[in-house]
Amino acid sequence: MVTTKELPEVASREEWLAARKKLLVKEKELTRAYDALSAERRRLPMVKIEKDYAFEGPKGKARFVDLFEGRGQLIIYHFMFGPTWDKGCPSCTALSDESSEGRLIHLHSRDTTNGYGVSRAAGQDRGLQGEQRVDFPVVFLLWQRLQLRLPRYAG
């Protein structure tokens, strides 16, 4: 229950509009700073991956380069599936549910493959395929064995 102490003060429309405009200036500054930081992150140098990593997924073994499916970019989302869980993380499941064919077509037209990584600790036969509703690469792997940190790119 919300109490009166938790609510902001009541103001006139004019006072609210003045306060909102002041806040909007700060929000735009923050957005521009975040955009600049994201651009800087995208300009970070790349590291050549020389080790021939092998993964296992529902379609069998695959090399790291195979995960790209012939495209120039790969997005791997870490799908959380704990070793004692009966189902995947609800948020991860929702995200994979929203990976519609239209979104995949959009990514593919931009030379990008979308995939999901699931820790081997979760087990390979514990229901992820039942939750997966669209066709995208799923890779079972030990993140620690991969020994590379994939950066999180935004915007």
C-alpha atoms as a PDB file:
ATOM      1  CA  MET A   1       0.000   0.000   0.000  1.00  0.00           C
ATOM      2  CA  VAL A   2       1.315   3.472  -0.883  1.00  0.00           C
ATOM      3  CA  THR A   3       1.177   5.986   1.935  1.00  0.00           C
ATOM      4  CA  THR A   4       0.961   9.753   1.569  1.00  0.00           C
ATOM      5  CA  LYS A   5       4.576  10.057   2.783  1.00  0.00           C
ATOM      6  CA  GLU A   6       5.772   8.086  -0.264  1.00  0.00           C
ATOM      7  CA  LEU A   7       4.003  10.271  -2.828  1.00  0.00           C
ATOM      8  CA  PRO A   8       5.580  13.372  -4.364  1.00  0.00           C
ATOM      9  CA  GLU A   9       4.119  16.772  -3.607  1.00  0.00           C
ATOM     10  CA  VAL A  10       1.080  17.996  -5.517  1.00  0.00           C
ATOM     11  CA  ALA A  11       1.796  20.918  -7.844  1.00  0.00           C
ATOM     12  CA  SER A  12       0.035  22.973 -10.447  1.00  0.00           C
ATOM     13  CA  ARG A  13       0.282  21.999 -14.121  1.00  0.00           C
ATOM     14  CA  GLU A  14       2.692  24.915 -14.702  1.00  0.00           C
ATOM     15  CA  GLU A  15       4.944  23.857 -11.812  1.00  0.00           C
ATOM     16  CA  TRP A  16       4.922  20.264 -13.038  1.00  0.00           C
ATOM     17  CA  LEU A  17       5.771  21.357 -16.605  1.00  0.00           C
ATOM     18  CA  ALA A  18       8.696  23.507 -15.400  1.00  0.00           C
ATOM     19  CA  ALA A  19      10.040  20.624 -13.281  1.00  0.00           C
ATOM     20  CA  ARG A  20       9.548  18.175 -16.172  1.00  0.00           C
ATOM     21  CA  LYS A  21      11.439  20.421 -18.618  1.00  0.00           C
ATOM     22  CA  LYS A  22      14.307  20.751 -16.120  1.00  0.00           C
ATOM     23  CA  LEU A  23      14.457  16.972 -15.727  1.00  0.00           C
ATOM     24  CA  LEU A  24      14.273  16.487 -19.520  1.00  0.00           C
ATOM     25  CA  VAL A  25      17.478  18.514 -19.941  1.00  0.00           C
ATOM     26  CA  LYS A  26      19.242  16.113 -17.533  1.00  0.00           C
ATOM     27  CA  GLU A  27      17.735  13.062 -19.284  1.00  0.00           C
ATOM     28  CA  LYS A  28      18.974  14.281 -22.680  1.00  0.00           C
ATOM     29  CA  GLU A  29      22.465  14.915 -21.259  1.00  0.00           C
ATOM     30  CA  LEU A  30      22.507  11.383 -19.866  1.00  0.00           C
ATOM     31  CA  THR A  31      21.296   9.911 -23.172  1.00  0.00           C
ATOM     32  CA  ARG A  32      23.993  11.759 -25.126  1.00  0.00           C
ATOM     33  CA  ALA A  33      26.665  10.627 -22.654  1.00  0.00           C
ATOM     34  CA  TYR A  34      25.445   7.018 -22.872  1.00  0.00           C
ATOM     35  CA  ASP A  35      25.382   7.181 -26.681  1.00  0.00           C
ATOM     36  CA  ALA A  36      28.947   8.535 -26.702  1.00  0.00           C
ATOM     37  CA  LEU A  37      30.087   5.772 -24.341  1.00  0.00           C
ATOM     38  CA  SER A  38      28.370   3.128 -26.501  1.00  0.00           C
ATOM     39  CA  ALA A  39      30.095   4.504 -29.615  1.00  0.00           C
ATOM     40  CA  GLU A  40      33.438   4.390 -27.809  1.00  0.00           C
ATOM     41  CA  ARG A  41      32.765   0.778 -26.782  1.00  0.00           C
ATOM     42  CA  ARG A  42      31.994  -0.146 -30.407  1.00  0.00           C
ATOM     43  CA  ARG A  43      35.355   1.309 -31.455  1.00  0.00           C
ATOM     44  CA  LEU A  44      37.306  -0.942 -29.090  1.00  0.00           C
ATOM     45  CA  PRO A  45      39.813  -3.074 -30.989  1.00  0.00           C
ATOM     46  CA  MET A  46      38.921  -6.647 -31.785  1.00  0.00           C
ATOM     47  CA  VAL A  47      40.888  -9.662 -30.617  1.00  0.00           C
ATOM     48  CA  LYS A  48      41.569 -12.429 -33.068  1.00  0.00           C
ATOM     49  CA  ILE A  49      40.354 -15.747 -31.693  1.00  0.00           C
ATOM     50  CA  GLU A  50      42.982 -18.278 -32.639  1.00  0.00           C
ATOM     51  CA  LYS A  51      41.866 -21.272 -30.603  1.00  0.00           C
ATOM     52  CA  ASP A  52      39.479 -23.636 -32.367  1.00  0.00           C
ATOM     53  CA  TYR A  53      36.701 -23.779 -29.768  1.00  0.00           C
ATOM     54  CA  ALA A  54      34.197 -26.617 -30.020  1.00  0.00           C
ATOM     55  CA  PHE A  55      30.681 -26.537 -28.621  1.00  0.00           C
ATOM     56  CA  GLU A  56      27.839 -28.941 -28.317  1.00  0.00           C
ATOM     57  CA  GLY A  57      24.219 -28.086 -29.033  1.00  0.00           C
ATOM     58  CA  PRO A  58      20.954 -29.736 -30.000  1.00  0.00           C
ATOM     59  CA  LYS A  59      22.241 -30.226 -33.550  1.00  0.00           C
ATOM     60  CA  GLY A  60      25.517 -31.785 -32.393  1.00  0.00           C
ATOM     61  CA  LYS A  61      29.045 -30.395 -32.237  1.00  0.00           C
ATOM     62  CA  ALA A  62      29.933 -27.050 -33.758  1.00  0.00           C
ATOM     63  CA  ARG A  63      33.064 -24.954 -33.983  1.00  0.00           C
ATOM     64  CA  PHE A  64      32.973 -21.338 -32.868  1.00  0.00           C
ATOM     65  CA  VAL A  65      33.043 -20.120 -36.460  1.00  0.00           C
ATOM     66  CA  ASP A  66      30.005 -22.344 -37.230  1.00  0.00           C
ATOM     67  CA  LEU A  67      27.906 -20.404 -34.716  1.00  0.00           C
ATOM     68  CA  PHE A  68      28.072 -17.380 -37.028  1.00  0.00           C
ATOM     69  CA  GLU A  69      26.159 -19.369 -39.686  1.00  0.00           C
ATOM     70  CA  GLY A  70      28.167 -17.628 -42.411  1.00  0.00           C
ATOM     71  CA  ARG A  71      27.407 -14.130 -41.131  1.00  0.00           C
ATOM     72  CA  GLY A  72      29.895 -11.504 -39.997  1.00  0.00           C
ATOM     73  CA  GLN A  73      28.480 -10.899 -36.514  1.00  0.00           C
ATOM     74  CA  LEU A  74      27.240 -13.104 -33.687  1.00  0.00           C
ATOM     75  CA  ILE A  75      25.141 -12.174 -30.668  1.00  0.00           C
ATOM     76  CA  ILE A  76      25.260 -14.758 -27.876  1.00  0.00           C
ATOM     77  CA  TYR A  77      22.815 -14.327 -25.033  1.00  0.00           C
ATOM     78  CA  HIS A  78      23.615 -16.255 -21.847  1.00  0.00           C
ATOM     79  CA  PHE A  79      20.405 -18.178 -21.188  1.00  0.00           C
ATOM     80  CA  MET A  80      20.378 -18.911 -17.451  1.00  0.00           C
ATOM     81  CA  PHE A  81      19.325 -22.427 -16.579  1.00  0.00           C
ATOM     82  CA  GLY A  82      20.466 -23.485 -13.110  1.00  0.00           C
ATOM     83  CA  PRO A  83      21.615 -27.057 -12.541  1.00  0.00           C
ATOM     84  CA  THR A  84      18.689 -27.747 -10.195  1.00  0.00           C
ATOM     85  CA  TRP A  85      16.009 -25.826 -12.101  1.00  0.00           C
ATOM     86  CA  ASP A  86      13.167 -27.546 -13.924  1.00  0.00           C
ATOM     87  CA  LYS A  87      12.788 -24.602 -16.312  1.00  0.00           C
ATOM     88  CA  GLY A  88      14.948 -21.812 -17.648  1.00  0.00           C
ATOM     89  CA  CYS A  89      15.081 -18.346 -16.104  1.00  0.00           C
ATOM     90  CA  PRO A  90      11.690 -16.650 -16.656  1.00  0.00           C
ATOM     91  CA  SER A  91      13.297 -13.489 -18.064  1.00  0.00           C
ATOM     92  CA  CYS A  92      15.575 -15.485 -20.378  1.00  0.00           C
ATOM     93  CA  THR A  93      12.582 -17.545 -21.528  1.00  0.00           C
ATOM     94  CA  ALA A  94      10.591 -14.369 -22.206  1.00  0.00           C
ATOM     95  CA  LEU A  95      13.484 -12.919 -24.205  1.00  0.00           C
ATOM     96  CA  SER A  96      13.793 -16.055 -26.314  1.00  0.00           C
ATOM     97  CA  ASP A  97      10.019 -16.076 -26.816  1.00  0.00           C
ATOM     98  CA  GLU A  98      10.290 -12.549 -28.221  1.00  0.00           C
ATOM     99  CA  SER A  99      12.921 -13.660 -30.747  1.00  0.00           C
ATOM    100  CA  SER A 100      10.354 -13.760 -33.523  1.00  0.00           C
ATOM    101  CA  GLU A 101      11.017 -14.731 -37.108  1.00  0.00           C
ATOM    102  CA  GLY A 102      10.712 -11.030 -37.985  1.00  0.00           C
ATOM    103  CA  ARG A 103      13.454 -10.101 -35.520  1.00  0.00           C
ATOM    104  CA  LEU A 104      15.692 -12.855 -36.852  1.00  0.00           C
ATOM    105  CA  ILE A 105      15.087 -11.718 -40.444  1.00  0.00           C
ATOM    106  CA  HIS A 106      15.977  -8.187 -39.325  1.00  0.00           C
ATOM    107  CA  LEU A 107      19.231  -9.395 -37.745  1.00  0.00           C
ATOM    108  CA  HIS A 108      20.092 -11.667 -40.673  1.00  0.00           C
ATOM    109  CA  SER A 109      19.635  -8.782 -43.118  1.00  0.00           C
ATOM    110  CA  ARG A 110      22.272  -6.975 -41.060  1.00  0.00           C
ATOM    111  CA  ASP A 111      24.770  -9.850 -41.305  1.00  0.00           C
ATOM    112  CA  THR A 112      24.083 -10.939 -37.706  1.00  0.00           C
ATOM    113  CA  THR A 113      23.246 -14.306 -36.156  1.00  0.00           C
ATOM    114  CA  ASN A 114      21.478 -14.493 -32.792  1.00  0.00           C
ATOM    115  CA  GLY A 115      22.252 -17.423 -30.498  1.00  0.00           C
ATOM    116  CA  TYR A 116      21.871 -18.550 -26.916  1.00  0.00           C
ATOM    117  CA  GLY A 117      24.504 -20.063 -24.657  1.00  0.00           C
ATOM    118  CA  VAL A 118      23.494 -22.332 -21.811  1.00  0.00           C
ATOM    119  CA  SER A 119      25.898 -23.517 -19.141  1.00  0.00           C
ATOM    120  CA  ARG A 120      26.682 -27.206 -19.385  1.00  0.00           C
ATOM    121  CA  ALA A 121      25.988 -27.355 -15.634  1.00  0.00           C
ATOM    122  CA  ALA A 122      22.312 -27.025 -16.520  1.00  0.00           C
ATOM    123  CA  GLY A 123      22.450 -30.249 -18.476  1.00  0.00           C
ATOM    124  CA  GLN A 124      21.721 -30.655 -22.127  1.00  0.00           C
ATOM    125  CA  ASP A 125      18.461 -32.527 -21.837  1.00  0.00           C
ATOM    126  CA  ARG A 126      16.644 -30.431 -19.246  1.00  0.00           C
ATOM    127  CA  GLY A 127      13.893 -28.769 -21.191  1.00  0.00           C
ATOM    128  CA  LEU A 128      15.419 -25.805 -23.005  1.00  0.00           C
ATOM    129  CA  GLN A 129      14.383 -27.156 -26.368  1.00  0.00           C
ATOM    130  CA  GLY A 130      10.802 -27.436 -25.142  1.00  0.00           C
ATOM    131  CA  GLU A 131      10.870 -23.733 -24.255  1.00  0.00           C
ATOM    132  CA  GLN A 132      12.524 -22.689 -27.497  1.00  0.00           C
ATOM    133  CA  ARG A 133       9.826 -21.573 -29.923  1.00  0.00           C
ATOM    134  CA  VAL A 134      11.903 -20.217 -32.787  1.00  0.00           C
ATOM    135  CA  ASP A 135      14.885 -21.588 -34.659  1.00  0.00           C
ATOM    136  CA  PHE A 136      18.127 -20.058 -33.442  1.00  0.00           C
ATOM    137  CA  PRO A 137      21.442 -21.608 -32.476  1.00  0.00           C
ATOM    138  CA  VAL A 138      21.620 -22.979 -28.958  1.00  0.00           C
ATOM    139  CA  VAL A 139      25.036 -23.840 -27.605  1.00  0.00           C
ATOM    140  CA  PHE A 140      25.823 -25.755 -24.450  1.00  0.00           C
ATOM    141  CA  LEU A 141      29.159 -24.669 -23.066  1.00  0.00           C
ATOM    142  CA  LEU A 142      31.276 -24.087 -20.052  1.00  0.00           C
ATOM    143  CA  TRP A 143      31.739 -20.322 -19.970  1.00  0.00           C
ATOM    144  CA  GLN A 144      34.919 -20.694 -17.925  1.00  0.00           C
ATOM    145  CA  ARG A 145      36.441 -23.016 -20.528  1.00  0.00           C
ATOM    146  CA  LEU A 146      35.723 -20.537 -23.271  1.00  0.00           C
ATOM    147  CA  GLN A 147      38.268 -18.187 -21.659  1.00  0.00           C
ATOM    148  CA  LEU A 148      37.135 -15.125 -23.543  1.00  0.00           C
ATOM    149  CA  ARG A 149      34.960 -12.318 -22.443  1.00  0.00           C
ATOM    150  CA  LEU A 150      32.394 -11.319 -24.997  1.00  0.00           C
ATOM    151  CA  PRO A 151      31.702  -7.602 -24.601  1.00  0.00           C
ATOM    152  CA  ARG A 152      28.149  -6.440 -24.051  1.00  0.00           C
ATOM    153  CA  TYR A 153      27.375  -4.014 -26.797  1.00  0.00           C
ATOM    154  CA  ALA A 154      24.557  -1.537 -26.483  1.00  0.00           C
ATOM    155  CA  GLY A 155      22.883   0.761 -28.949  1.00  0.00           C
END
